[in-house]
Amino acid sequence: MTWLLLPLDFEFFRRGLLAAVLIGALCGYIGVYVVLRRMSYIGHGLSHAIFGGAVLSYVVHINFFVGAGLWGLMCAVLIHLISHRRWVGADAAIGVVTTSSFAIGVAIVSSYRTFTRNIEAALFGNILGIAPQDLWIVGAISLIVFVVLFAVRRQLLFSTFDPEVASAYGISAGWIDLLFVLLLAVTVLASTQILGVTLVAAAMVIPPVIARYLANRFRNLLLLSPVLGGFCGATGIYLSFYMDISSAATIVLTSAALFFILEISFWFQKSPAFRSGAR
């Protein structure tokens, strides 16, 4: 048990562990809807869009969560408005808005060559360097997103599987979609400081996919996915501490390893050779 307790002597590790569990559970929870709605690309795109806001926040010297948050919400609304045009698909809207935002960030970085680790953290994550005030913000965002998603879970589920019938029953699928995209943008904002723009989408996709292997009911999926996300977050940060490698990458690789273990085990169970041997 010494190996489990030793890292807890360090305050930076305790903050990082709490942040990893919070973000892992949050991404796992909202990721259920992302996977069911086949919106994995938007999580990846919004993380890149927020990079533009992060760079602008640094240039004008305002708080990361304020500047990047407002920028991310603006990008989310633009994606929603453009994707609901009949002649433009959702994938095209995501591609136009997010790549343009990311390009703005890259252009500013190329002009201002005095950037610090704030931008590196936005790109690659800096979970062990998270400040106490940032941890409080991440916790508040996680709580708000959890509460709102739980409050609209029925409408969101209805609009996910059958939006046309949902409209007939008085559920505004357009407003529900907009609310979900805004919550997704806020989640990506909170996760970017922890995992970086390059790994946020993986944290939203892998735990729900793993949960679908293990859960047959939607309710169980909503319970299991955040548990898996929090578990992978905690396991990954412990592994990164002892292996001395990137915490964000280790968290994602832990999720990926669990996915491939389950995939291989299910493949063996379904293979004819395994079935004949079991008999």
Protein backbone atom coordinates (compact mmCIF):
# COMPACT_ATOMS: atom_id res chain seq x y z
CA MET A 1 0.00 0.00 0.00
CA THR A 2 3.00 2.30 0.28
CA TRP A 3 3.06 2.91 -3.47
CA LEU A 4 -0.58 4.04 -3.25
CA LEU A 5 -0.08 6.47 -0.38
CA LEU A 6 3.37 7.87 -1.19
CA PRO A 7 2.27 10.23 -4.04
CA LEU A 8 -0.46 11.66 -1.79
CA ASP A 9 2.25 13.34 0.31
CA PHE A 10 2.61 15.88 -2.50
CA GLU A 11 -0.01 18.61 -2.76
CA PHE A 12 0.37 18.93 -6.53
CA PHE A 13 -0.40 15.23 -6.90
CA ARG A 14 -3.50 15.43 -4.70
CA ARG A 15 -4.84 18.32 -6.80
CA GLY A 16 -3.98 16.51 -10.01
CA LEU A 17 -5.63 13.30 -8.84
CA LEU A 18 -8.85 15.10 -7.93
CA ALA A 19 -8.85 16.95 -11.25
CA ALA A 20 -8.23 13.73 -13.18
CA VAL A 21 -11.12 11.94 -11.46
CA LEU A 22 -13.48 14.92 -11.96
CA ILE A 23 -12.64 15.40 -15.62
CA GLY A 24 -12.61 11.65 -16.29
CA ALA A 25 -16.08 11.26 -14.80
CA LEU A 26 -17.42 14.38 -16.55
CA CYS A 27 -16.08 13.38 -19.95
CA GLY A 28 -17.33 9.85 -19.44
CA TYR A 29 -20.83 11.07 -18.60
CA ILE A 30 -21.32 13.57 -21.41
CA GLY A 31 -19.43 11.22 -23.72
CA VAL A 32 -22.34 8.76 -23.59
CA TYR A 33 -24.45 11.25 -25.52
CA VAL A 34 -21.53 12.17 -27.77
CA VAL A 35 -21.10 8.52 -28.81
CA LEU A 36 -24.83 7.82 -29.18
CA ARG A 37 -25.28 10.96 -31.28
CA ARG A 38 -22.20 10.09 -33.36
CA MET A 39 -20.66 13.46 -32.48
CA SER A 40 -17.13 12.33 -31.68
CA TYR A 41 -15.76 14.76 -34.24
CA ILE A 42 -17.34 17.78 -32.55
CA GLY A 43 -15.54 17.06 -29.28
CA HIS A 44 -12.25 16.96 -31.15
CA GLY A 45 -13.17 20.09 -33.10
CA LEU A 46 -14.28 22.16 -30.12
CA SER A 47 -11.04 21.43 -28.31
CA HIS A 48 -9.12 22.86 -31.27
CA ALA A 49 -11.51 25.81 -31.48
CA ILE A 50 -10.88 26.67 -27.83
CA PHE A 51 -7.16 26.84 -28.57
CA GLY A 52 -7.84 30.03 -30.52
CA GLY A 53 -9.60 31.49 -27.47
CA ALA A 54 -6.77 30.39 -25.19
CA VAL A 55 -4.21 32.23 -27.31
CA LEU A 56 -6.35 35.36 -27.45
CA SER A 57 -6.79 35.22 -23.67
CA TYR A 58 -3.03 35.23 -23.25
CA VAL A 59 -2.57 38.14 -25.66
CA VAL A 60 -5.15 40.40 -24.00
CA HIS A 61 -4.15 39.23 -20.49
CA ILE A 62 -7.47 37.85 -19.26
CA ASN A 63 -8.26 34.65 -17.38
CA PHE A 64 -8.09 31.48 -19.47
CA PHE A 65 -11.54 30.27 -18.42
CA VAL A 66 -13.13 33.63 -19.23
CA GLY A 67 -11.52 34.22 -22.62
CA ALA A 68 -11.41 30.64 -23.89
CA GLY A 69 -14.85 29.97 -22.41
CA LEU A 70 -16.55 32.83 -24.22
CA TRP A 71 -14.70 31.91 -27.41
CA GLY A 72 -15.70 28.26 -27.11
CA LEU A 73 -19.35 29.13 -26.50
CA MET A 74 -19.33 31.42 -29.54
CA CYS A 75 -17.89 28.62 -31.68
CA ALA A 76 -20.48 26.17 -30.34
CA VAL A 77 -23.34 28.52 -31.26
CA LEU A 78 -21.87 29.09 -34.73
CA ILE A 79 -21.61 25.33 -35.29
CA HIS A 80 -25.21 24.86 -34.20
CA LEU A 81 -26.53 27.66 -36.42
CA ILE A 82 -24.56 26.62 -39.51
CA SER A 83 -25.28 22.90 -39.13
CA HIS A 84 -29.03 23.56 -39.05
CA ARG A 85 -28.89 25.06 -42.51
CA ARG A 86 -30.30 22.53 -44.93
CA TRP A 87 -27.50 22.92 -47.43
CA VAL A 88 -24.65 22.55 -44.91
CA GLY A 89 -23.97 19.33 -43.01
CA ALA A 90 -22.94 19.19 -39.37
CA ASP A 91 -19.50 17.79 -40.23
CA ALA A 92 -18.86 20.66 -42.64
CA ALA A 93 -19.96 23.25 -40.06
CA ILE A 94 -17.66 21.74 -37.45
CA GLY A 95 -14.77 21.67 -39.92
CA VAL A 96 -15.18 25.30 -40.99
CA VAL A 97 -15.60 26.83 -37.53
CA THR A 98 -13.07 24.79 -35.57
CA THR A 99 -10.26 24.83 -38.11
CA SER A 100 -10.70 28.57 -38.59
CA SER A 101 -10.50 29.13 -34.84
CA PHE A 102 -7.44 26.92 -34.49
CA ALA A 103 -5.80 28.73 -37.42
CA ILE A 104 -6.38 32.06 -35.65
CA GLY A 105 -4.52 30.71 -32.63
CA VAL A 106 -1.65 29.43 -34.76
CA ALA A 107 -1.42 32.77 -36.59
CA ILE A 108 -1.21 34.70 -33.31
CA VAL A 109 1.40 32.30 -31.90
CA SER A 110 3.52 32.84 -35.01
CA SER A 111 3.35 36.62 -34.48
CA TYR A 112 3.88 36.71 -30.71
CA ARG A 113 6.92 34.67 -29.75
CA THR A 114 6.78 35.28 -26.02
CA PHE A 115 4.27 32.61 -25.08
CA THR A 116 4.80 30.66 -21.88
CA ARG A 117 3.68 27.26 -20.59
CA ASN A 118 0.08 28.54 -20.55
CA ILE A 119 -0.15 27.76 -24.26
CA GLU A 120 1.77 24.50 -23.85
CA ALA A 121 -0.77 23.48 -21.21
CA ALA A 122 -3.60 24.27 -23.60
CA LEU A 123 -2.02 22.02 -26.23
CA PHE A 124 -0.72 19.13 -24.12
CA GLY A 125 -2.33 19.55 -20.70
CA ASN A 126 -0.75 20.41 -17.36
CA ILE A 127 -2.69 18.41 -14.80
CA LEU A 128 0.05 18.34 -12.17
CA GLY A 129 0.43 22.11 -12.41
CA ILE A 130 -3.23 22.95 -11.88
CA ALA A 131 -3.72 25.79 -9.41
CA PRO A 132 -6.17 25.57 -6.47
CA GLN A 133 -8.46 28.23 -7.99
CA ASP A 134 -8.51 26.39 -11.31
CA LEU A 135 -9.44 23.19 -9.48
CA TRP A 136 -12.40 24.97 -7.91
CA ILE A 137 -13.49 26.19 -11.35
CA VAL A 138 -13.19 22.68 -12.80
CA GLY A 139 -15.23 21.32 -9.90
CA ALA A 140 -17.94 23.96 -10.36
CA ILE A 141 -18.13 23.34 -14.11
CA SER A 142 -18.35 19.58 -13.54
CA LEU A 143 -21.18 20.00 -11.04
CA ILE A 144 -23.15 22.35 -13.31
CA VAL A 145 -22.82 20.09 -16.37
CA PHE A 146 -23.80 16.99 -14.37
CA VAL A 147 -26.89 18.71 -12.91
CA VAL A 148 -28.07 20.16 -16.24
CA LEU A 149 -27.55 16.89 -18.11
CA PHE A 150 -29.44 15.00 -15.41
CA ALA A 151 -32.29 17.54 -15.51
CA VAL A 152 -32.78 17.25 -19.29
CA ARG A 153 -31.85 13.57 -19.61
CA ARG A 154 -35.30 12.50 -20.87
CA GLN A 155 -35.57 15.24 -23.49
CA LEU A 156 -31.98 14.67 -24.54
CA LEU A 157 -32.50 10.93 -24.85
CA PHE A 158 -35.69 11.43 -26.86
CA SER A 159 -34.09 13.91 -29.26
CA THR A 160 -31.03 11.64 -29.61
CA PHE A 161 -32.89 8.58 -30.86
CA ASP A 162 -35.94 10.09 -32.57
CA PRO A 163 -35.83 13.88 -33.02
CA GLU A 164 -38.87 13.96 -35.34
CA VAL A 165 -41.11 12.19 -32.85
CA ALA A 166 -39.66 14.33 -30.07
CA SER A 167 -40.84 17.46 -31.88
CA ALA A 168 -44.32 15.95 -32.21
CA TYR A 169 -44.42 15.51 -28.42
CA GLY A 170 -43.52 19.14 -27.83
CA ILE A 171 -39.79 18.72 -27.29
CA SER A 172 -37.79 21.39 -29.09
CA ALA A 173 -35.00 19.30 -30.60
CA GLY A 174 -33.25 22.44 -31.85
CA TRP A 175 -33.01 24.00 -28.38
CA ILE A 176 -31.97 20.69 -26.84
CA ASP A 177 -29.24 20.33 -29.46
CA LEU A 178 -28.03 23.88 -28.78
CA LEU A 179 -28.00 23.25 -25.01
CA PHE A 180 -26.03 20.05 -25.49
CA VAL A 181 -23.44 21.72 -27.73
CA LEU A 182 -23.00 24.51 -25.16
CA LEU A 183 -22.55 21.96 -22.36
CA LEU A 184 -20.07 20.13 -24.55
CA ALA A 185 -18.11 23.34 -25.12
CA VAL A 186 -17.99 24.02 -21.37
CA THR A 187 -16.82 20.45 -20.73
CA VAL A 188 -14.08 20.79 -23.34
CA LEU A 189 -13.05 24.08 -21.75
CA ALA A 190 -12.64 22.47 -18.32
CA SER A 191 -10.85 19.46 -19.79
CA THR A 192 -8.39 21.44 -21.91
CA GLN A 193 -6.39 22.62 -18.89
CA ILE A 194 -6.12 18.98 -17.76
CA LEU A 195 -5.69 16.97 -20.96
CA GLY A 196 -4.87 19.54 -23.64
CA VAL A 197 -6.66 20.07 -26.93
CA THR A 198 -5.12 16.97 -28.50
CA LEU A 199 -6.52 14.42 -26.02
CA VAL A 200 -9.90 15.76 -24.85
CA ALA A 201 -11.89 13.93 -27.52
CA ALA A 202 -10.35 10.59 -26.54
CA ALA A 203 -11.48 11.06 -22.93
CA MET A 204 -15.04 11.61 -24.16
CA VAL A 205 -15.15 8.67 -26.53
CA ILE A 206 -13.20 5.76 -25.04
CA PRO A 207 -14.94 5.33 -21.63
CA PRO A 208 -18.47 5.33 -23.16
CA VAL A 209 -17.36 2.84 -25.82
CA ILE A 210 -15.96 0.58 -23.09
CA ALA A 211 -19.19 0.96 -21.12
CA ARG A 212 -21.21 -0.19 -24.13
CA TYR A 213 -19.35 -3.50 -23.97
CA LEU A 214 -20.43 -3.97 -20.35
CA ALA A 215 -23.90 -2.37 -20.10
CA ASN A 216 -27.07 -3.28 -21.97
CA ARG A 217 -29.34 -0.56 -20.58
CA PHE A 218 -29.03 3.18 -21.09
CA ARG A 219 -29.30 3.87 -17.34
CA ASN A 220 -26.43 1.51 -16.60
CA LEU A 221 -24.44 3.14 -19.39
CA LEU A 222 -24.83 6.55 -17.74
CA LEU A 223 -23.62 5.11 -14.43
CA LEU A 224 -20.77 2.99 -15.72
CA SER A 225 -19.18 5.42 -18.18
CA PRO A 226 -18.29 8.17 -15.64
CA VAL A 227 -17.04 5.52 -13.20
CA LEU A 228 -14.74 4.18 -15.92
CA GLY A 229 -13.64 7.71 -16.79
CA GLY A 230 -12.79 8.51 -13.18
CA PHE A 231 -11.01 5.16 -12.75
CA CYS A 232 -8.88 5.69 -15.85
CA GLY A 233 -8.09 9.23 -14.70
CA ALA A 234 -6.90 8.06 -11.28
CA THR A 235 -5.00 5.06 -12.66
CA GLY A 236 -3.37 7.13 -15.39
CA ILE A 237 -2.07 9.80 -13.05
CA TYR A 238 -0.59 7.19 -10.71
CA LEU A 239 1.13 5.49 -13.64
CA SER A 240 2.45 8.82 -14.91
CA PHE A 241 3.87 9.60 -11.45
CA TYR A 242 5.89 6.40 -11.28
CA MET A 243 6.77 6.19 -14.98
CA ASP A 244 7.61 9.92 -15.26
CA ILE A 245 5.68 10.51 -18.48
CA SER A 246 2.88 12.87 -19.51
CA SER A 247 -0.14 12.54 -17.24
CA ALA A 248 -2.67 13.43 -19.94
CA ALA A 249 -1.23 10.90 -22.38
CA THR A 250 -1.09 8.21 -19.69
CA ILE A 251 -4.76 8.73 -18.79
CA VAL A 252 -5.82 8.30 -22.41
CA LEU A 253 -3.50 5.32 -22.92
CA THR A 254 -4.95 3.68 -19.81
CA SER A 255 -8.44 4.01 -21.30
CA ALA A 256 -7.20 2.70 -24.65
CA ALA A 257 -5.48 -0.28 -23.00
CA LEU A 258 -8.69 -1.19 -21.17
CA PHE A 259 -10.63 -0.93 -24.43
CA PHE A 260 -8.25 -3.23 -26.31
CA ILE A 261 -8.23 -5.75 -23.45
CA LEU A 262 -12.02 -5.94 -23.60
CA GLU A 263 -11.99 -6.05 -27.40
CA ILE A 264 -9.55 -8.96 -27.42
CA SER A 265 -11.44 -10.83 -24.70
CA PHE A 266 -14.75 -10.46 -26.56
CA TRP A 267 -13.08 -11.54 -29.79
CA PHE A 268 -11.77 -14.70 -28.14
CA GLN A 269 -15.16 -15.45 -26.60
CA LYS A 270 -16.84 -15.21 -29.99
CA SER A 271 -14.18 -17.17 -31.90
CA PRO A 272 -15.10 -20.76 -32.89
CA ALA A 273 -11.84 -22.13 -31.44
CA PHE A 274 -12.63 -20.66 -28.00
CA ARG A 275 -16.18 -22.04 -28.04
CA SER A 276 -15.08 -25.51 -29.04
CA GLY A 277 -12.38 -25.50 -26.35
CA ALA A 278 -14.89 -24.38 -23.71
CA ARG A 279 -17.04 -27.37 -24.53
